[in-house]
Amino acid sequence: MKAKEEQALLSYFQGKPAFSREDLYHYFVEREGDLNRGTLGWRIYDLKKAGLIHEIKRGWYATQSNKEMFAPEANTTVQRIAALINQNYQRLDYCVWDMNWLNHFTELQYYKETYIVEVEKDMQSTVAVTLSDNGFAHVSWLPWSEQFSLIHATDTITILPLITRSPLREQTSKEGKKIIIPSLEKILVDIFRETKVFYFLQGTELENIYRNAINRYAINFTTLFAYAKRRGKAKAIYELIEKLDLIPPAFKKRNNDQSTLL
């Protein structure tokens, strides 16, 4: 689509909190007279890829014009960790993130040099040795259930087991190197689920995080609730977001039946 056409579409849907695939179909048909359903799929794909709209539920979208994509800056430590994993374990599923990224959402600011690396469970110790052998002096690894609160962590890097089918994002460093980070949806679910690890982010602070994240950043609610369901917290997280009055219209409960979602 040309820039003028993109702007017209954004202006048309700007005031709508959410719109469906059918809404997009009728929008294009009104302007073009006809549209193949397959072409519609590619149009939606291109709009999402360009960052103009995002999916909040299967078949439901919102514009990105007022919200940012969560794309935190990866410092040199994050880049080094990712480079070592990419170099030594090309097929390993992993993600790495900096605890200071939470400062995007929190009232309490976190200033410790603490990094979380999540890898396949049976590779935790192996990756820990690799990082230690390459100059990282403080590395620990434990299951989520045995992990201590990270606010008391003295280790530079904590390696945790990666939950299968976690929503991850590939990001590229300024040097063009690949870095796999957790999606914002995954971070939100994990800090809700792991009350022991993130106990200092519970209560009012947790509400602040969810409020700030949803108001500022583009959230894929389908992804968020699918991952939350895998972690056994979909209903509780739905209730928290509902309490904050931040549930998109497409996700509002209908006839009190959210069994497929929760």
Protein backbone atom coordinates (compact mmCIF):
# COMPACT_ATOMS: atom_id res chain seq x y z
CA MET A 1 0.00 0.00 0.00
CA LYS A 2 1.10 3.54 -0.71
CA ALA A 3 1.68 5.95 2.17
CA LYS A 4 -1.45 7.94 1.29
CA GLU A 5 -3.58 4.78 1.34
CA GLU A 6 -2.06 3.67 4.65
CA GLN A 7 -2.85 7.04 6.22
CA ALA A 8 -6.44 6.88 4.96
CA LEU A 9 -6.88 3.45 6.53
CA LEU A 10 -5.40 4.60 9.85
CA SER A 11 -7.63 7.67 9.89
CA TYR A 12 -10.72 5.52 9.21
CA PHE A 13 -10.02 3.06 12.04
CA GLN A 14 -8.33 5.53 14.43
CA GLY A 15 -11.36 6.08 16.67
CA LYS A 16 -12.19 2.39 16.96
CA PRO A 17 -10.73 0.49 19.94
CA ALA A 18 -10.84 -2.69 17.84
CA PHE A 19 -11.99 -3.84 14.40
CA SER A 20 -12.43 -7.22 12.79
CA ARG A 21 -11.14 -8.94 9.68
CA GLU A 22 -14.61 -8.41 8.17
CA ASP A 23 -14.38 -4.69 8.92
CA LEU A 24 -11.14 -4.56 6.96
CA TYR A 25 -12.67 -6.55 4.11
CA HIS A 26 -15.63 -4.17 3.81
CA TYR A 27 -13.31 -1.16 4.06
CA PHE A 28 -11.32 -2.32 1.02
CA VAL A 29 -14.41 -3.41 -0.95
CA GLU A 30 -16.01 0.01 -0.47
CA ARG A 31 -12.93 1.68 -1.96
CA GLU A 32 -11.94 -0.83 -4.62
CA GLY A 33 -15.22 -2.49 -5.60
CA ASP A 34 -13.98 -6.03 -5.06
CA LEU A 35 -11.30 -7.91 -3.15
CA ASN A 36 -10.20 -11.52 -3.15
CA ARG A 37 -10.17 -13.08 0.33
CA GLY A 38 -6.64 -14.32 -0.26
CA THR A 39 -5.53 -10.82 -1.16
CA LEU A 40 -7.11 -9.58 2.08
CA GLY A 41 -4.87 -11.97 4.03
CA TRP A 42 -1.78 -10.53 2.37
CA ARG A 43 -2.99 -6.97 2.97
CA ILE A 44 -3.38 -7.71 6.68
CA TYR A 45 0.02 -9.39 6.75
CA ASP A 46 1.63 -6.33 5.16
CA LEU A 47 -0.14 -3.95 7.57
CA LYS A 48 1.05 -5.95 10.57
CA LYS A 49 4.59 -6.24 9.20
CA ALA A 50 4.68 -2.47 8.65
CA GLY A 51 3.64 -1.95 12.26
CA LEU A 52 0.40 -0.17 11.31
CA ILE A 53 -1.97 -2.59 13.03
CA HIS A 54 -1.58 -5.41 15.54
CA GLU A 55 -3.71 -8.44 16.32
CA ILE A 56 -5.36 -8.38 19.75
CA LYS A 57 -7.40 -11.55 19.22
CA ARG A 58 -7.74 -13.99 16.35
CA GLY A 59 -9.37 -11.95 13.60
CA TRP A 60 -9.46 -8.72 15.62
CA TYR A 61 -7.06 -5.79 15.29
CA ALA A 62 -6.19 -2.34 16.59
CA THR A 63 -4.10 0.45 15.10
CA GLN A 64 -0.56 0.98 16.30
CA SER A 65 -0.60 4.74 15.83
CA ASN A 66 -0.75 5.57 19.53
CA LYS A 67 1.24 2.64 20.86
CA GLU A 68 4.84 1.57 20.60
CA MET A 69 6.19 -1.87 19.91
CA PHE A 70 8.17 -3.12 22.90
CA ALA A 71 11.73 -3.06 21.56
CA PRO A 72 14.11 -2.57 24.51
CA GLU A 73 17.72 -1.72 23.85
CA ALA A 74 20.07 -4.67 24.24
CA ASN A 75 23.24 -3.56 26.00
CA THR A 76 26.64 -5.14 25.41
CA THR A 77 26.10 -7.82 28.07
CA VAL A 78 22.85 -9.01 26.49
CA GLN A 79 24.55 -9.01 23.09
CA ARG A 80 27.53 -11.04 24.40
CA ILE A 81 25.26 -13.63 26.04
CA ALA A 82 23.18 -14.01 22.88
CA ALA A 83 26.28 -14.23 20.69
CA LEU A 84 27.75 -17.04 22.80
CA ILE A 85 24.52 -19.04 22.71
CA ASN A 86 24.04 -18.47 18.97
CA GLN A 87 27.63 -19.51 18.30
CA ASN A 88 27.69 -22.64 20.48
CA TYR A 89 24.09 -23.86 20.34
CA GLN A 90 22.60 -22.97 16.96
CA ARG A 91 19.44 -25.04 17.44
CA LEU A 92 18.80 -24.20 21.08
CA ASP A 93 15.60 -22.40 22.02
CA TYR A 94 16.47 -19.56 24.36
CA CYS A 95 15.81 -15.97 25.31
CA VAL A 96 17.77 -13.38 27.25
CA TRP A 97 16.66 -10.19 28.94
CA ASP A 98 17.83 -7.44 31.21
CA MET A 99 15.93 -6.89 34.47
CA ASN A 100 16.35 -3.16 33.98
CA TRP A 101 13.88 -3.40 31.10
CA LEU A 102 11.19 -3.53 33.78
CA ASN A 103 11.89 0.15 34.47
CA HIS A 104 9.77 0.88 31.40
CA PHE A 105 6.71 0.01 33.48
CA THR A 106 7.48 0.22 37.19
CA GLU A 107 7.27 2.94 39.80
CA LEU A 108 10.05 1.17 41.73
CA GLN A 109 13.17 1.49 39.58
CA TYR A 110 15.52 -1.49 39.36
CA TYR A 111 19.21 -0.71 38.92
CA LYS A 112 21.04 -3.99 39.50
CA GLU A 113 23.05 -5.62 36.75
CA THR A 114 20.95 -8.79 36.62
CA TYR A 115 20.20 -10.75 33.48
CA ILE A 116 17.82 -13.64 32.92
CA VAL A 117 18.63 -16.34 30.41
CA GLU A 118 15.99 -18.97 29.70
CA VAL A 119 17.00 -22.17 27.93
CA GLU A 120 15.69 -25.69 27.53
CA LYS A 121 15.63 -27.32 30.96
CA ASP A 122 18.26 -29.99 30.29
CA MET A 123 20.67 -27.37 28.93
CA GLN A 124 20.75 -25.02 31.93
CA SER A 125 23.98 -26.30 33.44
CA THR A 126 25.69 -26.65 30.06
CA VAL A 127 24.92 -23.06 29.07
CA ALA A 128 25.98 -21.88 32.54
CA VAL A 129 29.40 -23.49 32.08
CA THR A 130 29.77 -21.92 28.64
CA LEU A 131 29.02 -18.46 29.99
CA SER A 132 31.34 -18.96 32.97
CA ASP A 133 34.15 -20.15 30.69
CA ASN A 134 33.76 -16.98 28.63
CA GLY A 135 34.25 -14.43 31.35
CA PHE A 136 30.94 -14.23 33.20
CA ALA A 137 31.91 -14.62 36.84
CA HIS A 138 28.51 -14.97 38.51
CA VAL A 139 26.11 -17.45 36.96
CA SER A 140 23.43 -19.51 38.71
CA TRP A 141 20.75 -21.91 37.48
CA LEU A 142 17.70 -23.32 39.21
CA PRO A 143 14.18 -24.45 38.33
CA TRP A 144 11.52 -21.74 38.56
CA SER A 145 10.11 -23.49 41.65
CA GLU A 146 13.41 -23.29 43.53
CA GLN A 147 14.43 -19.82 42.42
CA PHE A 148 14.92 -17.04 44.95
CA SER A 149 13.74 -13.46 44.61
CA LEU A 150 15.85 -11.67 42.03
CA ILE A 151 15.82 -8.46 44.05
CA HIS A 152 18.29 -10.19 46.39
CA ALA A 153 20.34 -11.76 43.60
CA THR A 154 24.08 -11.16 43.66
CA ASP A 155 24.64 -13.19 40.51
CA THR A 156 25.04 -11.35 37.25
CA ILE A 157 23.18 -14.03 35.28
CA THR A 158 20.37 -16.31 36.38
CA ILE A 159 19.54 -19.21 34.04
CA LEU A 160 15.97 -20.47 34.18
CA PRO A 161 14.14 -23.23 32.29
CA LEU A 162 12.35 -21.98 29.18
CA ILE A 163 8.66 -22.86 29.14
CA THR A 164 7.84 -24.70 25.91
CA ARG A 165 6.15 -22.64 23.20
CA SER A 166 7.02 -19.40 24.97
CA PRO A 167 6.29 -16.28 22.89
CA LEU A 168 9.70 -14.93 21.86
CA ARG A 169 10.90 -12.15 19.59
CA GLU A 170 13.95 -11.92 17.38
CA GLN A 171 15.71 -8.59 17.63
CA THR A 172 18.74 -7.34 15.73
CA SER A 173 21.55 -5.47 17.45
CA LYS A 174 23.15 -2.34 15.98
CA GLU A 175 25.90 -4.64 14.72
CA GLY A 176 23.34 -6.79 12.91
CA LYS A 177 23.55 -9.73 15.30
CA LYS A 178 20.51 -11.85 16.21
CA ILE A 179 19.20 -11.66 19.78
CA ILE A 180 16.20 -13.65 21.02
CA ILE A 181 14.26 -11.84 23.74
CA PRO A 182 10.98 -12.63 25.51
CA SER A 183 7.93 -10.90 24.13
CA LEU A 184 6.29 -8.34 26.38
CA GLU A 185 3.36 -10.75 26.71
CA LYS A 186 5.69 -13.40 28.13
CA ILE A 187 7.29 -10.98 30.60
CA LEU A 188 3.87 -9.86 31.87
CA VAL A 189 2.71 -13.44 32.42
CA ASP A 190 5.95 -14.59 34.05
CA ILE A 191 6.12 -11.78 36.60
CA PHE A 192 2.49 -12.53 37.50
CA ARG A 193 3.06 -16.29 37.69
CA GLU A 194 6.41 -16.37 39.48
CA THR A 195 5.52 -14.59 42.72
CA LYS A 196 8.61 -15.96 44.48
CA VAL A 197 11.08 -14.78 41.88
CA PHE A 198 9.37 -11.43 41.32
CA TYR A 199 7.81 -10.91 44.75
CA PHE A 200 8.97 -7.28 44.80
CA LEU A 201 6.75 -6.64 41.76
CA GLN A 202 3.48 -7.87 43.25
CA GLY A 203 0.45 -5.99 44.57
CA THR A 204 0.15 -2.36 43.55
CA GLU A 205 3.42 -2.52 41.60
CA LEU A 206 2.07 -5.39 39.49
CA GLU A 207 -1.01 -3.32 38.69
CA ASN A 208 1.24 -0.40 37.70
CA ILE A 209 3.23 -2.68 35.39
CA TYR A 210 0.15 -4.02 33.63
CA ARG A 211 -1.46 -0.60 33.36
CA ASN A 212 1.68 1.07 31.98
CA ALA A 213 2.51 -1.78 29.61
CA ILE A 214 -0.98 -2.03 28.10
CA ASN A 215 -1.47 1.72 27.82
CA ARG A 216 1.94 2.35 26.25
CA TYR A 217 2.75 -0.71 24.18
CA ALA A 218 0.99 -2.81 21.55
CA ILE A 219 -0.13 -6.03 23.23
CA ASN A 220 -1.25 -9.15 21.41
CA PHE A 221 -3.91 -10.38 23.82
CA THR A 222 -4.30 -13.67 21.97
CA THR A 223 -0.62 -14.39 22.63
CA LEU A 224 -0.81 -13.15 26.22
CA PHE A 225 -3.79 -15.32 27.19
CA ALA A 226 -2.54 -18.37 25.29
CA TYR A 227 0.75 -18.27 27.19
CA ALA A 228 -1.04 -17.43 30.46
CA LYS A 229 -3.24 -20.50 29.93
CA ARG A 230 -0.13 -22.66 29.52
CA ARG A 231 1.12 -21.28 32.83
CA GLY A 232 -2.21 -21.80 34.57
CA LYS A 233 -2.93 -18.11 35.10
CA ALA A 234 -5.21 -17.03 32.24
CA LYS A 235 -8.30 -16.52 34.41
CA ALA A 236 -6.41 -14.62 37.13
CA ILE A 237 -4.65 -12.37 34.61
CA TYR A 238 -7.93 -11.71 32.79
CA GLU A 239 -9.47 -10.65 36.09
CA LEU A 240 -6.55 -8.32 36.85
CA ILE A 241 -6.75 -6.62 33.45
CA GLU A 242 -10.54 -6.43 33.75
CA LYS A 243 -10.16 -4.79 37.17
CA LEU A 244 -7.89 -2.18 35.55
CA ASP A 245 -10.57 -1.66 32.86
CA LEU A 246 -8.09 -2.47 30.11
CA ILE A 247 -9.68 -5.50 28.44
CA PRO A 248 -10.17 -4.72 24.70
CA PRO A 249 -13.77 -4.91 23.49
CA ALA A 250 -12.96 -7.99 21.40
CA PHE A 251 -12.04 -9.83 24.58
CA LYS A 252 -14.97 -8.73 26.72
CA LYS A 253 -16.76 -11.66 28.29
CA ARG A 254 -19.81 -12.74 26.33
CA ASN A 255 -22.52 -14.61 28.23
CA ASN A 256 -19.93 -15.27 30.95
CA ASP A 257 -18.38 -17.90 28.73
CA GLN A 258 -14.63 -17.62 28.27
CA SER A 259 -13.91 -21.35 28.47
CA THR A 260 -11.99 -21.43 25.21
CA LEU A 261 -9.83 -18.52 26.33
CA LEU A 262 -9.30 -19.33 29.98
